[in-house]
Full PDB file with SEQRES, HELIX, SHEET, SSBOND, CRYST1, ORIGX, SCALE, CONECT and MASTER records, all heavy atoms in Angstrom:
SEQRES   1 A   36  SER ALA GLY ILE GLU THR GLU GLU ALA CYS MET GLU TYR          
SEQRES   2 A   36  SER ALA LEU ALA PRO ILE MET LYS ASP GLY ASP TRP ASP          
SEQRES   3 A   36  LEU TYR LEU ILE ALA ALA ASN LEU ALA MET                      
HELIX    1 AA1 TYR A   13  ALA A   15  5                                   3    
HELIX    2 AA2 ALA A   17  ASP A   22  1                                   6    
CRYST1    1.000    1.000    1.000  90.00  90.00  90.00 P 1           1          
ORIGX1      1.000000  0.000000  0.000000        0.00000                         
ORIGX2      0.000000  1.000000  0.000000        0.00000                         
ORIGX3      0.000000  0.000000  1.000000        0.00000                         
SCALE1      1.000000  0.000000  0.000000        0.00000                         
SCALE2      0.000000  1.000000  0.000000        0.00000                         
SCALE3      0.000000  0.000000  1.000000        0.00000                         
ATOM      1  N   SER A   1      -7.041 -16.865  -4.481  1.00  0.00           N  
ATOM      2  CA  SER A   1      -8.106 -17.861  -4.669  1.00  0.00           C  
ATOM      3  C   SER A   1      -9.000 -17.504  -5.850  1.00  0.00           C  
ATOM      4  O   SER A   1      -9.607 -18.383  -6.474  1.00  0.00           O  
ATOM      5  CB  SER A   1      -8.953 -17.972  -3.398  1.00  0.00           C  
ATOM      6  OG  SER A   1      -8.185 -18.499  -2.340  1.00  0.00           O  
ATOM      7  N   ALA A   2      -9.090 -16.214  -6.146  1.00  0.00           N  
ATOM      8  CA  ALA A   2      -9.901 -15.766  -7.284  1.00  0.00           C  
ATOM      9  C   ALA A   2      -9.102 -15.753  -8.580  1.00  0.00           C  
ATOM     10  O   ALA A   2      -9.650 -15.406  -9.635  1.00  0.00           O  
ATOM     11  CB  ALA A   2     -10.462 -14.380  -7.006  1.00  0.00           C  
ATOM     12  N   GLY A   3      -7.811 -16.117  -8.500  1.00  0.00           N  
ATOM     13  CA  GLY A   3      -6.991 -16.184  -9.709  1.00  0.00           C  
ATOM     14  C   GLY A   3      -6.109 -14.984  -9.944  1.00  0.00           C  
ATOM     15  O   GLY A   3      -5.557 -14.825 -11.045  1.00  0.00           O  
ATOM     16  N   ILE A   4      -5.945 -14.131  -8.933  1.00  0.00           N  
ATOM     17  CA  ILE A   4      -5.115 -12.931  -9.077  1.00  0.00           C  
ATOM     18  C   ILE A   4      -3.806 -13.150  -8.319  1.00  0.00           C  
ATOM     19  O   ILE A   4      -3.803 -13.377  -7.109  1.00  0.00           O  
ATOM     20  CB  ILE A   4      -5.834 -11.680  -8.535  1.00  0.00           C  
ATOM     21  CG1 ILE A   4      -7.145 -11.456  -9.293  1.00  0.00           C  
ATOM     22  CG2 ILE A   4      -4.935 -10.454  -8.630  1.00  0.00           C  
ATOM     23  CD1 ILE A   4      -8.018 -10.354  -8.709  1.00  0.00           C  
ATOM     24  N   GLU A   5      -2.694 -13.072  -9.005  1.00  0.00           N  
ATOM     25  CA  GLU A   5      -1.389 -13.209  -8.373  1.00  0.00           C  
ATOM     26  C   GLU A   5      -1.055 -11.919  -7.635  1.00  0.00           C  
ATOM     27  O   GLU A   5      -1.413 -10.824  -8.095  1.00  0.00           O  
ATOM     28  CB  GLU A   5      -0.325 -13.499  -9.441  1.00  0.00           C  
ATOM     29  CG  GLU A   5       1.001 -13.963  -8.877  1.00  0.00           C  
ATOM     30  CD  GLU A   5       1.992 -14.361  -9.976  1.00  0.00           C  
ATOM     31  OE1 GLU A   5       1.597 -14.355 -11.167  1.00  0.00           O  
ATOM     32  OE2 GLU A   5       3.142 -14.675  -9.634  1.00  0.00           O  
ATOM     33  N   THR A   6      -0.388 -12.036  -6.500  1.00  0.00           N  
ATOM     34  CA  THR A   6      -0.097 -10.836  -5.701  1.00  0.00           C  
ATOM     35  C   THR A   6       1.361 -10.812  -5.271  1.00  0.00           C  
ATOM     36  O   THR A   6       2.028 -11.829  -5.142  1.00  0.00           O  
ATOM     37  CB  THR A   6      -0.976 -10.770  -4.437  1.00  0.00           C  
ATOM     38  OG1 THR A   6      -0.691 -11.890  -3.605  1.00  0.00           O  
ATOM     39  CG2 THR A   6      -2.447 -10.731  -4.786  1.00  0.00           C  
ATOM     40  N   GLU A   7       1.816  -9.590  -5.011  1.00  0.00           N  
ATOM     41  CA  GLU A   7       3.102  -9.329  -4.366  1.00  0.00           C  
ATOM     42  C   GLU A   7       2.825  -8.412  -3.180  1.00  0.00           C  
ATOM     43  O   GLU A   7       2.230  -7.346  -3.359  1.00  0.00           O  
ATOM     44  CB  GLU A   7       4.082  -8.658  -5.331  1.00  0.00           C  
ATOM     45  CG  GLU A   7       5.413  -8.263  -4.698  1.00  0.00           C  
ATOM     46  CD  GLU A   7       6.295  -7.427  -5.612  1.00  0.00           C  
ATOM     47  OE1 GLU A   7       5.961  -7.301  -6.805  1.00  0.00           O  
ATOM     48  OE2 GLU A   7       7.300  -6.883  -5.120  1.00  0.00           O  
ATOM     49  N   GLU A   8       3.213  -8.839  -1.983  1.00  0.00           N  
ATOM     50  CA  GLU A   8       2.907  -8.049  -0.789  1.00  0.00           C  
ATOM     51  C   GLU A   8       4.160  -7.343  -0.276  1.00  0.00           C  
ATOM     52  O   GLU A   8       5.254  -7.915  -0.290  1.00  0.00           O  
ATOM     53  CB  GLU A   8       2.355  -8.931   0.334  1.00  0.00           C  
ATOM     54  CG  GLU A   8       1.154  -9.766  -0.064  1.00  0.00           C  
ATOM     55  CD  GLU A   8       1.546 -11.125  -0.580  1.00  0.00           C  
ATOM     56  OE1 GLU A   8       2.462 -11.750  -0.019  1.00  0.00           O  
ATOM     57  OE2 GLU A   8       0.949 -11.562  -1.570  1.00  0.00           O  
ATOM     58  N   ALA A   9       3.985  -6.105   0.197  1.00  0.00           N  
ATOM     59  CA  ALA A   9       5.076  -5.353   0.820  1.00  0.00           C  
ATOM     60  C   ALA A   9       4.532  -4.684   2.067  1.00  0.00           C  
ATOM     61  O   ALA A   9       3.583  -3.907   1.995  1.00  0.00           O  
ATOM     62  CB  ALA A   9       5.643  -4.321  -0.147  1.00  0.00           C  
ATOM     63  N   CYS A  10       5.132  -4.993   3.217  1.00  0.00           N  
ATOM     64  CA  CYS A  10       4.697  -4.445   4.503  1.00  0.00           C  
ATOM     65  C   CYS A  10       5.912  -3.853   5.195  1.00  0.00           C  
ATOM     66  O   CYS A  10       6.912  -4.546   5.413  1.00  0.00           O  
ATOM     67  CB  CYS A  10       4.075  -5.557   5.352  1.00  0.00           C  
ATOM     68  SG  CYS A  10       3.387  -5.002   6.915  1.00  0.00           S  
ATOM     69  N   MET A  11       5.852  -2.590   5.551  1.00  0.00           N  
ATOM     70  CA  MET A  11       7.015  -1.902   6.122  1.00  0.00           C  
ATOM     71  C   MET A  11       6.548  -0.763   7.018  1.00  0.00           C  
ATOM     72  O   MET A  11       5.349  -0.493   7.133  1.00  0.00           O  
ATOM     73  CB  MET A  11       7.904  -1.361   5.007  1.00  0.00           C  
ATOM     74  CG  MET A  11       7.211  -0.347   4.106  1.00  0.00           C  
ATOM     75  SD  MET A  11       8.068  -0.077   2.531  1.00  0.00           S  
ATOM     76  CE  MET A  11       7.662  -1.609   1.669  1.00  0.00           C  
ATOM     77  N   GLU A  12       7.504  -0.097   7.673  1.00  0.00           N  
ATOM     78  CA  GLU A  12       7.155   1.057   8.497  1.00  0.00           C  
ATOM     79  C   GLU A  12       6.551   2.149   7.609  1.00  0.00           C  
ATOM     80  O   GLU A  12       6.924   2.314   6.446  1.00  0.00           O  
ATOM     81  CB  GLU A  12       8.378   1.583   9.238  1.00  0.00           C  
ATOM     82  CG  GLU A  12       8.886   0.646  10.322  1.00  0.00           C  
ATOM     83  CD  GLU A  12      10.034   1.237  11.117  1.00  0.00           C  
ATOM     84  OE1 GLU A  12      10.502   2.344  10.757  1.00  0.00           O  
ATOM     85  OE2 GLU A  12      10.465   0.594  12.089  1.00  0.00           O  
ATOM     86  N   TYR A  13       5.646   2.901   8.193  1.00  0.00           N  
ATOM     87  CA  TYR A  13       4.902   3.917   7.445  1.00  0.00           C  
ATOM     88  C   TYR A  13       5.842   4.890   6.727  1.00  0.00           C  
ATOM     89  O   TYR A  13       5.623   5.245   5.565  1.00  0.00           O  
ATOM     90  CB  TYR A  13       3.982   4.672   8.401  1.00  0.00           C  
ATOM     91  CG  TYR A  13       3.095   5.690   7.747  1.00  0.00           C  
ATOM     92  CD1 TYR A  13       1.928   5.296   7.108  1.00  0.00           C  
ATOM     93  CD2 TYR A  13       3.410   7.041   7.773  1.00  0.00           C  
ATOM     94  CE1 TYR A  13       1.100   6.224   6.494  1.00  0.00           C  
ATOM     95  CE2 TYR A  13       2.598   7.974   7.160  1.00  0.00           C  
ATOM     96  CZ  TYR A  13       1.442   7.574   6.522  1.00  0.00           C  
ATOM     97  OH  TYR A  13       0.639   8.492   5.914  1.00  0.00           O  
ATOM     98  N   SER A  14       6.916   5.304   7.413  1.00  0.00           N  
ATOM     99  CA  SER A  14       7.828   6.291   6.846  1.00  0.00           C  
ATOM    100  C   SER A  14       8.545   5.774   5.597  1.00  0.00           C  
ATOM    101  O   SER A  14       8.966   6.555   4.744  1.00  0.00           O  
ATOM    102  CB  SER A  14       8.863   6.726   7.886  1.00  0.00           C  
ATOM    103  OG  SER A  14       9.591   5.601   8.356  1.00  0.00           O  
ATOM    104  N   ALA A  15       8.679   4.447   5.483  1.00  0.00           N  
ATOM    105  CA  ALA A  15       9.395   3.870   4.346  1.00  0.00           C  
ATOM    106  C   ALA A  15       8.527   3.761   3.097  1.00  0.00           C  
ATOM    107  O   ALA A  15       9.037   3.480   2.000  1.00  0.00           O  
ATOM    108  CB  ALA A  15       9.933   2.489   4.720  1.00  0.00           C  
ATOM    109  N   LEU A  16       7.231   3.981   3.221  1.00  0.00           N  
ATOM    110  CA  LEU A  16       6.323   3.831   2.086  1.00  0.00           C  
ATOM    111  C   LEU A  16       6.378   5.003   1.109  1.00  0.00           C  
ATOM    112  O   LEU A  16       6.073   4.850  -0.069  1.00  0.00           O  
ATOM    113  CB  LEU A  16       4.883   3.687   2.579  1.00  0.00           C  
ATOM    114  CG  LEU A  16       4.468   2.353   3.190  1.00  0.00           C  
ATOM    115  CD1 LEU A  16       3.073   2.470   3.776  1.00  0.00           C  
ATOM    116  CD2 LEU A  16       4.511   1.249   2.145  1.00  0.00           C  
ATOM    117  N   ALA A  17       6.764   6.177   1.603  1.00  0.00           N  
ATOM    118  CA  ALA A  17       6.658   7.401   0.802  1.00  0.00           C  
ATOM    119  C   ALA A  17       7.325   7.295  -0.569  1.00  0.00           C  
ATOM    120  O   ALA A  17       6.701   7.634  -1.588  1.00  0.00           O  
ATOM    121  CB  ALA A  17       7.215   8.588   1.593  1.00  0.00           C  
ATOM    122  N   PRO A  18       8.591   6.839  -0.668  1.00  0.00           N  
ATOM    123  CA  PRO A  18       9.205   6.789  -2.004  1.00  0.00           C  
ATOM    124  C   PRO A  18       8.525   5.812  -2.949  1.00  0.00           C  
ATOM    125  O   PRO A  18       8.442   6.054  -4.159  1.00  0.00           O  
ATOM    126  CB  PRO A  18      10.660   6.377  -1.714  1.00  0.00           C  
ATOM    127  CG  PRO A  18      10.651   5.780  -0.343  1.00  0.00           C  
ATOM    128  CD  PRO A  18       9.568   6.480   0.380  1.00  0.00           C  
ATOM    129  N   ILE A  19       7.999   4.701  -2.413  1.00  0.00           N  
ATOM    130  CA  ILE A  19       7.309   3.720  -3.259  1.00  0.00           C  
ATOM    131  C   ILE A  19       6.007   4.315  -3.788  1.00  0.00           C  
ATOM    132  O   ILE A  19       5.673   4.184  -4.969  1.00  0.00           O  
ATOM    133  CB  ILE A  19       7.026   2.432  -2.465  1.00  0.00           C  
ATOM    134  CG1 ILE A  19       8.328   1.810  -1.966  1.00  0.00           C  
ATOM    135  CG2 ILE A  19       6.267   1.423  -3.327  1.00  0.00           C  
ATOM    136  CD1 ILE A  19       8.135   0.617  -1.070  1.00  0.00           C  
ATOM    137  N   MET A  20       5.275   4.983  -2.893  1.00  0.00           N  
ATOM    138  CA  MET A  20       4.021   5.607  -3.311  1.00  0.00           C  
ATOM    139  C   MET A  20       4.287   6.696  -4.348  1.00  0.00           C  
ATOM    140  O   MET A  20       3.563   6.827  -5.333  1.00  0.00           O  
ATOM    141  CB  MET A  20       3.303   6.199  -2.096  1.00  0.00           C  
ATOM    142  CG  MET A  20       2.911   5.190  -1.033  1.00  0.00           C  
ATOM    143  SD  MET A  20       1.628   4.043  -1.585  1.00  0.00           S  
ATOM    144  CE  MET A  20       0.228   5.161  -1.710  1.00  0.00           C  
ATOM    145  N   LYS A  21       5.336   7.460  -4.126  1.00  0.00           N  
ATOM    146  CA  LYS A  21       5.663   8.557  -5.044  1.00  0.00           C  
ATOM    147  C   LYS A  21       6.026   8.031  -6.427  1.00  0.00           C  
ATOM    148  O   LYS A  21       5.640   8.604  -7.454  1.00  0.00           O  
ATOM    149  CB  LYS A  21       6.816   9.383  -4.480  1.00  0.00           C  
ATOM    150  CG  LYS A  21       7.170  10.603  -5.317  1.00  0.00           C  
ATOM    151  CD  LYS A  21       8.283  11.407  -4.668  1.00  0.00           C  
ATOM    152  CE  LYS A  21       8.638  12.635  -5.506  1.00  0.00           C  
ATOM    153  NZ  LYS A  21       9.738  13.420  -4.883  1.00  0.00           N  
ATOM    154  N   ASP A  22       6.755   6.915  -6.474  1.00  0.00           N  
ATOM    155  CA  ASP A  22       7.163   6.340  -7.759  1.00  0.00           C  
ATOM    156  C   ASP A  22       6.014   5.631  -8.466  1.00  0.00           C  
ATOM    157  O   ASP A  22       6.129   5.280  -9.641  1.00  0.00           O  
ATOM    158  CB  ASP A  22       8.313   5.344  -7.550  1.00  0.00           C  
ATOM    159  CG  ASP A  22       9.610   6.030  -7.133  1.00  0.00           C  
ATOM    160  OD1 ASP A  22       9.704   7.252  -7.326  1.00  0.00           O  
ATOM    161  OD2 ASP A  22      10.501   5.338  -6.611  1.00  0.00           O  
ATOM    162  N   GLY A  23       4.915   5.390  -7.758  1.00  0.00           N  
ATOM    163  CA  GLY A  23       3.769   4.727  -8.372  1.00  0.00           C  
ATOM    164  C   GLY A  23       3.926   3.234  -8.521  1.00  0.00           C  
ATOM    165  O   GLY A  23       3.159   2.593  -9.266  1.00  0.00           O  
ATOM    166  N   ASP A  24       4.900   2.653  -7.801  1.00  0.00           N  
ATOM    167  CA  ASP A  24       5.172   1.224  -7.926  1.00  0.00           C  
ATOM    168  C   ASP A  24       4.268   0.425  -6.992  1.00  0.00           C  
ATOM    169  O   ASP A  24       4.719  -0.239  -6.059  1.00  0.00           O  
ATOM    170  CB  ASP A  24       6.654   0.953  -7.615  1.00  0.00           C  
ATOM    171  CG  ASP A  24       7.035  -0.507  -7.815  1.00  0.00           C  
ATOM    172  OD1 ASP A  24       6.326  -1.196  -8.569  1.00  0.00           O  
ATOM    173  OD2 ASP A  24       8.038  -0.953  -7.213  1.00  0.00           O  
ATOM    174  N   TRP A  25       2.965   0.509  -7.235  1.00  0.00           N  
ATOM    175  CA  TRP A  25       1.986  -0.201  -6.413  1.00  0.00           C  
ATOM    176  C   TRP A  25       0.659  -0.252  -7.157  1.00  0.00           C  
ATOM    177  O   TRP A  25       0.401   0.564  -8.049  1.00  0.00           O  
ATOM    178  CB  TRP A  25       1.800   0.499  -5.059  1.00  0.00           C  
ATOM    179  CG  TRP A  25       1.313   1.929  -5.185  1.00  0.00           C  
ATOM    180  CD1 TRP A  25       2.070   3.032  -5.488  1.00  0.00           C  
ATOM    181  CD2 TRP A  25      -0.036   2.398  -5.053  1.00  0.00           C  
ATOM    182  NE1 TRP A  25       1.271   4.166  -5.542  1.00  0.00           N  
ATOM    183  CE2 TRP A  25      -0.016   3.803  -5.279  1.00  0.00           C  
ATOM    184  CE3 TRP A  25      -1.253   1.776  -4.760  1.00  0.00           C  
ATOM    185  CZ2 TRP A  25      -1.171   4.578  -5.220  1.00  0.00           C  
ATOM    186  CZ3 TRP A  25      -2.411   2.558  -4.705  1.00  0.00           C  
ATOM    187  CH2 TRP A  25      -2.356   3.937  -4.925  1.00  0.00           C  
ATOM    188  N   ASP A  26      -0.156  -1.217  -6.783  1.00  0.00           N  
ATOM    189  CA  ASP A  26      -1.500  -1.330  -7.352  1.00  0.00           C  
ATOM    190  C   ASP A  26      -2.587  -1.080  -6.314  1.00  0.00           C  
ATOM    191  O   ASP A  26      -3.599  -0.442  -6.600  1.00  0.00           O  
ATOM    192  CB  ASP A  26      -1.698  -2.721  -7.955  1.00  0.00           C  
ATOM    193  CG  ASP A  26      -0.760  -2.980  -9.118  1.00  0.00           C  
ATOM    194  OD1 ASP A  26      -0.928  -2.330 -10.160  1.00  0.00           O  
ATOM    195  OD2 ASP A  26       0.146  -3.822  -8.971  1.00  0.00           O  
ATOM    196  N   LEU A  27      -2.379  -1.594  -5.089  1.00  0.00           N  
ATOM    197  CA  LEU A  27      -3.337  -1.442  -4.002  1.00  0.00           C  
ATOM    198  C   LEU A  27      -2.596  -1.021  -2.743  1.00  0.00           C  
ATOM    199  O   LEU A  27      -1.520  -1.565  -2.445  1.00  0.00           O  
ATOM    200  CB  LEU A  27      -4.073  -2.761  -3.753  1.00  0.00           C  
ATOM    201  CG  LEU A  27      -4.921  -3.323  -4.899  1.00  0.00           C  
ATOM    202  CD1 LEU A  27      -5.350  -4.754  -4.584  1.00  0.00           C  
ATOM    203  CD2 LEU A  27      -6.139  -2.446  -5.157  1.00  0.00           C  
ATOM    204  N   TYR A  28      -3.164  -0.083  -2.030  1.00  0.00           N  
ATOM    205  CA  TYR A  28      -2.542   0.413  -0.795  1.00  0.00           C  
ATOM    206  C   TYR A  28      -3.543   0.241   0.343  1.00  0.00           C  
ATOM    207  O   TYR A  28      -4.587   0.887   0.371  1.00  0.00           O  
ATOM    208  CB  TYR A  28      -2.159   1.878  -0.971  1.00  0.00           C  
ATOM    209  CG  TYR A  28      -1.646   2.570   0.273  1.00  0.00           C  
ATOM    210  CD1 TYR A  28      -0.822   1.924   1.188  1.00  0.00           C  
ATOM    211  CD2 TYR A  28      -1.980   3.904   0.530  1.00  0.00           C  
ATOM    212  CE1 TYR A  28      -0.347   2.567   2.321  1.00  0.00           C  
ATOM    213  CE2 TYR A  28      -1.515   4.566   1.654  1.00  0.00           C  
ATOM    214  CZ  TYR A  28      -0.697   3.897   2.543  1.00  0.00           C  
ATOM    215  OH  TYR A  28      -0.241   4.540   3.666  1.00  0.00           O  
ATOM    216  N   LEU A  29      -3.220  -0.653   1.271  1.00  0.00           N  
ATOM    217  CA  LEU A  29      -4.087  -0.936   2.410  1.00  0.00           C  
ATOM    218  C   LEU A  29      -3.754   0.027   3.544  1.00  0.00           C  
ATOM    219  O   LEU A  29      -2.624   0.068   4.034  1.00  0.00           O  
ATOM    220  CB  LEU A  29      -3.883  -2.379   2.866  1.00  0.00           C  
ATOM    221  CG  LEU A  29      -4.672  -2.852   4.088  1.00  0.00           C  
ATOM    222  CD1 LEU A  29      -6.173  -2.770   3.833  1.00  0.00           C  
ATOM    223  CD2 LEU A  29      -4.263  -4.275   4.470  1.00  0.00           C  
ATOM    224  N   ILE A  30      -4.752   0.778   3.966  1.00  0.00           N  
ATOM    225  CA  ILE A  30      -4.540   1.844   4.956  1.00  0.00           C  
ATOM    226  C   ILE A  30      -5.718   1.883   5.922  1.00  0.00           C  
ATOM    227  O   ILE A  30      -6.840   1.495   5.570  1.00  0.00           O  
ATOM    228  CB  ILE A  30      -4.371   3.209   4.236  1.00  0.00           C  
ATOM    229  CG1 ILE A  30      -4.095   4.347   5.227  1.00  0.00           C  
ATOM    230  CG2 ILE A  30      -5.577   3.517   3.361  1.00  0.00           C  
ATOM    231  CD1 ILE A  30      -3.776   5.677   4.558  1.00  0.00           C  
ATOM    232  N   ALA A  31      -5.461   2.334   7.146  1.00  0.00           N  
ATOM    233  CA  ALA A  31      -6.522   2.601   8.119  1.00  0.00           C  
ATOM    234  C   ALA A  31      -6.689   4.115   8.185  1.00  0.00           C  
ATOM    235  O   ALA A  31      -5.888   4.805   8.803  1.00  0.00           O  
ATOM    236  CB  ALA A  31      -6.163   2.027   9.485  1.00  0.00           C  
ATOM    237  N   ALA A  32      -7.709   4.634   7.516  1.00  0.00           N  
ATOM    238  CA  ALA A  32      -7.848   6.072   7.306  1.00  0.00           C  
ATOM    239  C   ALA A  32      -8.897   6.677   8.228  1.00  0.00           C  
ATOM    240  O   ALA A  32      -9.983   6.113   8.405  1.00  0.00           O  
ATOM    241  CB  ALA A  32      -8.220   6.356   5.858  1.00  0.00           C  
ATOM    242  N   ASN A  33      -8.575   7.850   8.769  1.00  0.00           N  
ATOM    243  CA  ASN A  33      -9.491   8.539   9.675  1.00  0.00           C  
ATOM    244  C   ASN A  33     -10.653   9.152   8.914  1.00  0.00           C  
ATOM    245  O   ASN A  33     -10.503   9.636   7.794  1.00  0.00           O  
ATOM    246  CB  ASN A  33      -8.743   9.616  10.452  1.00  0.00           C  
ATOM    247  CG  ASN A  33      -9.570  10.168  11.586  1.00  0.00           C  
ATOM    248  OD1 ASN A  33     -10.420  11.020  11.394  1.00  0.00           O  
ATOM    249  ND2 ASN A  33      -9.339   9.657  12.783  1.00  0.00           N  
ATOM    250  N   LEU A  34     -11.830   9.162   9.555  1.00  0.00           N  
ATOM    251  CA  LEU A  34     -13.049   9.637   8.913  1.00  0.00           C  
ATOM    252  C   LEU A  34     -13.620  10.917   9.513  1.00  0.00           C  
ATOM    253  O   LEU A  34     -14.579  11.457   8.966  1.00  0.00           O  
ATOM    254  CB  LEU A  34     -14.135   8.546   8.999  1.00  0.00           C  
ATOM    255  CG  LEU A  34     -13.848   7.232   8.299  1.00  0.00           C  
ATOM    256  CD1 LEU A  34     -14.935   6.215   8.630  1.00  0.00           C  
ATOM    257  CD2 LEU A  34     -13.747   7.436   6.795  1.00  0.00           C  
ATOM    258  N   ALA A  35     -13.087  11.382  10.635  1.00  0.00           N  
ATOM    259  CA  ALA A  35     -13.821  12.451  11.330  1.00  0.00           C  
ATOM    260  C   ALA A  35     -12.927  13.457  12.036  1.00  0.00           C  
ATOM    261  O   ALA A  35     -13.280  13.939  13.105  1.00  0.00           O  
ATOM    262  CB  ALA A  35     -14.794  11.838  12.338  1.00  0.00           C  
ATOM    263  N   MET A  36     -11.765  13.770  11.455  1.00  0.00           N  
ATOM    264  CA  MET A  36     -11.010  14.884  12.027  1.00  0.00           C  
ATOM    265  C   MET A  36     -11.882  16.144  12.001  1.00  0.00           C  
ATOM    266  O   MET A  36     -11.811  16.989  12.879  1.00  0.00           O  
ATOM    267  CB  MET A  36      -9.718  15.118  11.249  1.00  0.00           C  
ATOM    268  CG  MET A  36      -8.727  13.971  11.313  1.00  0.00           C  
ATOM    269  SD  MET A  36      -8.135  13.581  12.977  1.00  0.00           S  
ATOM    270  CE  MET A  36      -6.947  14.875  13.258  1.00  0.00           C  
TER     271      MET A  36                                                      
MASTER        0    0    0    2    0    0    0    6  270    1    0    3          
END                                                                             
């Protein structure tokens, strides 16, 4: 709506590692712990 085109990828957590490692992403949506 703001004029930014997107490509979405949603998969099991274990399958994300190679994509993250290769840097083939712009934004990573995560639910991160704050108080271990």
